[in-house]
């Protein structure tokens, strides 16, 4: 029998706190299985939480001062825990409806990628385009 390679344990948790839109966990795990090593995330864990517009609006107001829903928010952790990504499934679904090319599932992947880059310390508002460049390259690579 050939040598078996042991895959690393999942370093992330997917939590669904909304019931409006079905989340394909299997597809997202497959995406994360490819994306996480590509980003160089090895020992750090993180969580992705799918919530409603109402819930994300409260977080957006409390932490950013914007009293409106948004698609994704990232909250950094520490050295061992990368942090939390909150995604509004309602906003993500509505964005996909308006797009001619983007499905709901692909939009969730795009938002996860965006959130992970923020958790890794990138900030498109202050980094002179560095995050956007990396994000575009990875969107092309992962077709999201």
C-alpha atoms as a PDB file:
ATOM      1  CA  UNK A   1       0.000   0.000   0.000  1.00  0.00           C
ATOM      2  CA  UNK A   2       1.295   3.474  -0.916  1.00  0.00           C
ATOM      3  CA  UNK A   3       2.145   6.173   1.578  1.00  0.00           C
ATOM      4  CA  UNK A   4      -0.935   8.140   2.618  1.00  0.00           C
ATOM      5  CA  UNK A   5      -0.712  11.865   3.060  1.00  0.00           C
ATOM      6  CA  UNK A   6      -2.574  13.170   6.061  1.00  0.00           C
ATOM      7  CA  UNK A   7      -4.439  16.380   5.313  1.00  0.00           C
ATOM      8  CA  UNK A   8      -4.236  19.118   7.950  1.00  0.00           C
ATOM      9  CA  UNK A   9      -7.259  19.563  10.175  1.00  0.00           C
ATOM     10  CA  UNK A  10      -9.651  22.312   9.139  1.00  0.00           C
ATOM     11  CA  UNK A  11      -8.575  25.602  10.630  1.00  0.00           C
ATOM     12  CA  UNK A  12     -11.945  27.264  10.199  1.00  0.00           C
ATOM     13  CA  UNK A  13     -15.509  27.049  11.408  1.00  0.00           C
ATOM     14  CA  UNK A  14     -18.586  27.779   9.274  1.00  0.00           C
ATOM     15  CA  UNK A  15     -21.587  29.016  11.274  1.00  0.00           C
ATOM     16  CA  UNK A  16     -24.998  29.708   9.764  1.00  0.00           C
ATOM     17  CA  UNK A  17     -27.051  32.124  11.894  1.00  0.00           C
ATOM     18  CA  UNK A  18     -29.645  32.867   9.201  1.00  0.00           C
ATOM     19  CA  UNK A  19     -32.342  30.798   7.538  1.00  0.00           C
ATOM     20  CA  UNK A  20     -33.281  32.866   4.479  1.00  0.00           C
ATOM     21  CA  UNK A  21     -30.743  31.497   1.986  1.00  0.00           C
ATOM     22  CA  UNK A  22     -29.318  27.975   1.832  1.00  0.00           C
ATOM     23  CA  UNK A  23     -25.566  27.800   2.364  1.00  0.00           C
ATOM     24  CA  UNK A  24     -23.735  25.017   0.501  1.00  0.00           C
ATOM     25  CA  UNK A  25     -21.235  24.099   3.228  1.00  0.00           C
ATOM     26  CA  UNK A  26     -19.659  21.306   1.190  1.00  0.00           C
ATOM     27  CA  UNK A  27     -18.864  23.639  -1.712  1.00  0.00           C
ATOM     28  CA  UNK A  28     -17.513  26.317   0.633  1.00  0.00           C
ATOM     29  CA  UNK A  29     -15.327  23.773   2.440  1.00  0.00           C
ATOM     30  CA  UNK A  30     -13.913  22.694  -0.931  1.00  0.00           C
ATOM     31  CA  UNK A  31     -13.179  26.317  -1.786  1.00  0.00           C
ATOM     32  CA  UNK A  32     -11.543  26.922   1.601  1.00  0.00           C
ATOM     33  CA  UNK A  33      -9.532  23.702   1.294  1.00  0.00           C
ATOM     34  CA  UNK A  34      -7.840  25.255  -1.748  1.00  0.00           C
ATOM     35  CA  UNK A  35      -7.796  28.905  -0.652  1.00  0.00           C
ATOM     36  CA  UNK A  36      -6.397  28.580   2.884  1.00  0.00           C
ATOM     37  CA  UNK A  37      -3.048  27.027   1.839  1.00  0.00           C
ATOM     38  CA  UNK A  38      -2.793  29.469  -1.077  1.00  0.00           C
ATOM     39  CA  UNK A  39      -2.987  32.336   1.427  1.00  0.00           C
ATOM     40  CA  UNK A  40      -0.356  30.707   3.624  1.00  0.00           C
ATOM     41  CA  UNK A  41      -2.682  30.231   6.572  1.00  0.00           C
ATOM     42  CA  UNK A  42      -1.229  27.277   8.465  1.00  0.00           C
ATOM     43  CA  UNK A  43      -1.814  27.227  12.215  1.00  0.00           C
ATOM     44  CA  UNK A  44      -4.291  30.043  12.690  1.00  0.00           C
ATOM     45  CA  UNK A  45      -7.998  29.309  12.916  1.00  0.00           C
ATOM     46  CA  UNK A  46     -10.889  31.576  11.961  1.00  0.00           C
ATOM     47  CA  UNK A  47     -14.669  31.599  11.781  1.00  0.00           C
ATOM     48  CA  UNK A  48     -17.065  32.517   8.997  1.00  0.00           C
ATOM     49  CA  UNK A  49     -20.556  33.423  10.203  1.00  0.00           C
ATOM     50  CA  UNK A  50     -23.511  33.888   7.856  1.00  0.00           C
ATOM     51  CA  UNK A  51     -26.016  36.367   9.285  1.00  0.00           C
ATOM     52  CA  UNK A  52     -28.981  38.538   8.276  1.00  0.00           C
ATOM     53  CA  UNK A  53     -28.920  42.132   7.041  1.00  0.00           C
ATOM     54  CA  UNK A  54     -30.422  43.226  10.353  1.00  0.00           C
ATOM     55  CA  UNK A  55     -27.616  41.582  12.324  1.00  0.00           C
ATOM     56  CA  UNK A  56     -24.803  42.888  10.125  1.00  0.00           C
ATOM     57  CA  UNK A  57     -26.299  46.385  10.230  1.00  0.00           C
ATOM     58  CA  UNK A  58     -26.003  46.386  14.033  1.00  0.00           C
ATOM     59  CA  UNK A  59     -22.323  45.340  13.833  1.00  0.00           C
ATOM     60  CA  UNK A  60     -21.607  47.835  11.061  1.00  0.00           C
ATOM     61  CA  UNK A  61     -23.140  50.640  13.141  1.00  0.00           C
ATOM     62  CA  UNK A  62     -21.472  49.604  16.391  1.00  0.00           C
ATOM     63  CA  UNK A  63     -17.956  49.042  15.039  1.00  0.00           C
ATOM     64  CA  UNK A  64     -17.739  51.243  11.961  1.00  0.00           C
ATOM     65  CA  UNK A  65     -20.361  53.938  12.582  1.00  0.00           C
ATOM     66  CA  UNK A  66     -22.373  53.083   9.446  1.00  0.00           C
ATOM     67  CA  UNK A  67     -26.034  52.420  10.274  1.00  0.00           C
ATOM     68  CA  UNK A  68     -26.734  50.272   7.220  1.00  0.00           C
ATOM     69  CA  UNK A  69     -26.216  46.688   6.113  1.00  0.00           C
ATOM     70  CA  UNK A  70     -23.016  45.690   4.336  1.00  0.00           C
ATOM     71  CA  UNK A  71     -21.899  42.471   2.694  1.00  0.00           C
ATOM     72  CA  UNK A  72     -18.891  41.472   4.831  1.00  0.00           C
ATOM     73  CA  UNK A  73     -17.185  42.535   8.041  1.00  0.00           C
ATOM     74  CA  UNK A  74     -13.919  41.181   9.439  1.00  0.00           C
ATOM     75  CA  UNK A  75     -12.833  41.245  13.077  1.00  0.00           C
ATOM     76  CA  UNK A  76      -9.188  40.430  13.738  1.00  0.00           C
ATOM     77  CA  UNK A  77      -8.188  38.015  16.445  1.00  0.00           C
ATOM     78  CA  UNK A  78      -4.721  37.364  17.812  1.00  0.00           C
ATOM     79  CA  UNK A  79      -1.711  35.268  16.818  1.00  0.00           C
ATOM     80  CA  UNK A  80      -3.450  31.898  17.172  1.00  0.00           C
ATOM     81  CA  UNK A  81      -6.951  32.981  16.209  1.00  0.00           C
ATOM     82  CA  UNK A  82      -7.008  34.937  12.972  1.00  0.00           C
ATOM     83  CA  UNK A  83     -10.495  36.317  13.611  1.00  0.00           C
ATOM     84  CA  UNK A  84     -14.130  36.306  12.500  1.00  0.00           C
ATOM     85  CA  UNK A  85     -15.715  37.039   9.145  1.00  0.00           C
ATOM     86  CA  UNK A  86     -19.383  38.043   9.172  1.00  0.00           C
ATOM     87  CA  UNK A  87     -21.248  37.771   5.876  1.00  0.00           C
ATOM     88  CA  UNK A  88     -24.785  38.962   5.246  1.00  0.00           C
ATOM     89  CA  UNK A  89     -26.362  36.223   3.177  1.00  0.00           C
ATOM     90  CA  UNK A  90     -29.181  38.600   2.233  1.00  0.00           C
ATOM     91  CA  UNK A  91     -26.848  41.237   0.809  1.00  0.00           C
ATOM     92  CA  UNK A  92     -24.709  38.576  -0.896  1.00  0.00           C
ATOM     93  CA  UNK A  93     -27.805  37.021  -2.473  1.00  0.00           C
ATOM     94  CA  UNK A  94     -29.099  40.394  -3.693  1.00  0.00           C
ATOM     95  CA  UNK A  95     -25.698  41.267  -5.159  1.00  0.00           C
ATOM     96  CA  UNK A  96     -25.716  37.986  -7.083  1.00  0.00           C
ATOM     97  CA  UNK A  97     -29.244  38.669  -8.371  1.00  0.00           C
ATOM     98  CA  UNK A  98     -28.064  41.987  -9.823  1.00  0.00           C
ATOM     99  CA  UNK A  99     -24.999  40.417 -11.468  1.00  0.00           C
ATOM    100  CA  UNK A 100     -25.042  38.845 -14.923  1.00  0.00           C
ATOM    101  CA  UNK A 101     -22.065  36.615 -14.102  1.00  0.00           C
ATOM    102  CA  UNK A 102     -21.960  36.079 -10.332  1.00  0.00           C
ATOM    103  CA  UNK A 103     -23.902  33.308  -8.592  1.00  0.00           C
ATOM    104  CA  UNK A 104     -24.773  33.406  -4.887  1.00  0.00           C
ATOM    105  CA  UNK A 105     -22.196  30.689  -4.152  1.00  0.00           C
ATOM    106  CA  UNK A 106     -19.443  32.481  -6.097  1.00  0.00           C
ATOM    107  CA  UNK A 107     -20.289  35.732  -4.344  1.00  0.00           C
ATOM    108  CA  UNK A 108     -19.948  34.013  -0.958  1.00  0.00           C
ATOM    109  CA  UNK A 109     -16.528  32.777  -2.062  1.00  0.00           C
ATOM    110  CA  UNK A 110     -15.567  36.287  -3.139  1.00  0.00           C
ATOM    111  CA  UNK A 111     -16.667  37.723   0.209  1.00  0.00           C
ATOM    112  CA  UNK A 112     -14.790  35.025   2.140  1.00  0.00           C
ATOM    113  CA  UNK A 113     -11.627  35.830   0.174  1.00  0.00           C
ATOM    114  CA  UNK A 114     -12.098  39.552   0.858  1.00  0.00           C
ATOM    115  CA  UNK A 115     -12.672  38.927   4.559  1.00  0.00           C
ATOM    116  CA  UNK A 116      -9.639  36.655   4.875  1.00  0.00           C
ATOM    117  CA  UNK A 117      -7.381  39.233   3.261  1.00  0.00           C
ATOM    118  CA  UNK A 118      -8.568  41.760   5.855  1.00  0.00           C
ATOM    119  CA  UNK A 119      -7.864  39.270   8.664  1.00  0.00           C
ATOM    120  CA  UNK A 120      -4.359  38.846   7.252  1.00  0.00           C
ATOM    121  CA  UNK A 121      -3.795  42.596   7.682  1.00  0.00           C
ATOM    122  CA  UNK A 122      -4.587  43.967   4.227  1.00  0.00           C
ATOM    123  CA  UNK A 123      -6.700  47.121   4.024  1.00  0.00           C
ATOM    124  CA  UNK A 124      -7.865  48.365   0.627  1.00  0.00           C
ATOM    125  CA  UNK A 125      -8.671  51.764   2.125  1.00  0.00           C
ATOM    126  CA  UNK A 126      -5.048  52.471   3.111  1.00  0.00           C
ATOM    127  CA  UNK A 127      -2.633  50.170   1.213  1.00  0.00           C
ATOM    128  CA  UNK A 128      -2.277  51.903  -2.187  1.00  0.00           C
ATOM    129  CA  UNK A 129      -3.950  49.055  -4.089  1.00  0.00           C
ATOM    130  CA  UNK A 130      -1.963  46.123  -2.673  1.00  0.00           C
ATOM    131  CA  UNK A 131      -5.048  44.271  -1.395  1.00  0.00           C
ATOM    132  CA  UNK A 132      -6.997  44.898  -4.611  1.00  0.00           C
ATOM    133  CA  UNK A 133      -4.131  43.499  -6.695  1.00  0.00           C
ATOM    134  CA  UNK A 134      -3.890  40.328  -4.597  1.00  0.00           C
ATOM    135  CA  UNK A 135      -7.666  39.942  -4.498  1.00  0.00           C
ATOM    136  CA  UNK A 136      -8.017  40.283  -8.292  1.00  0.00           C
ATOM    137  CA  UNK A 137      -5.307  37.686  -8.872  1.00  0.00           C
ATOM    138  CA  UNK A 138      -6.954  35.230  -6.477  1.00  0.00           C
ATOM    139  CA  UNK A 139     -10.434  35.880  -7.910  1.00  0.00           C
ATOM    140  CA  UNK A 140      -9.123  34.930 -11.334  1.00  0.00           C
ATOM    141  CA  UNK A 141      -7.350  31.853  -9.974  1.00  0.00           C
ATOM    142  CA  UNK A 142     -10.417  30.637  -8.062  1.00  0.00           C
ATOM    143  CA  UNK A 143     -12.983  31.928 -10.578  1.00  0.00           C
ATOM    144  CA  UNK A 144     -14.966  33.875  -8.020  1.00  0.00           C
END
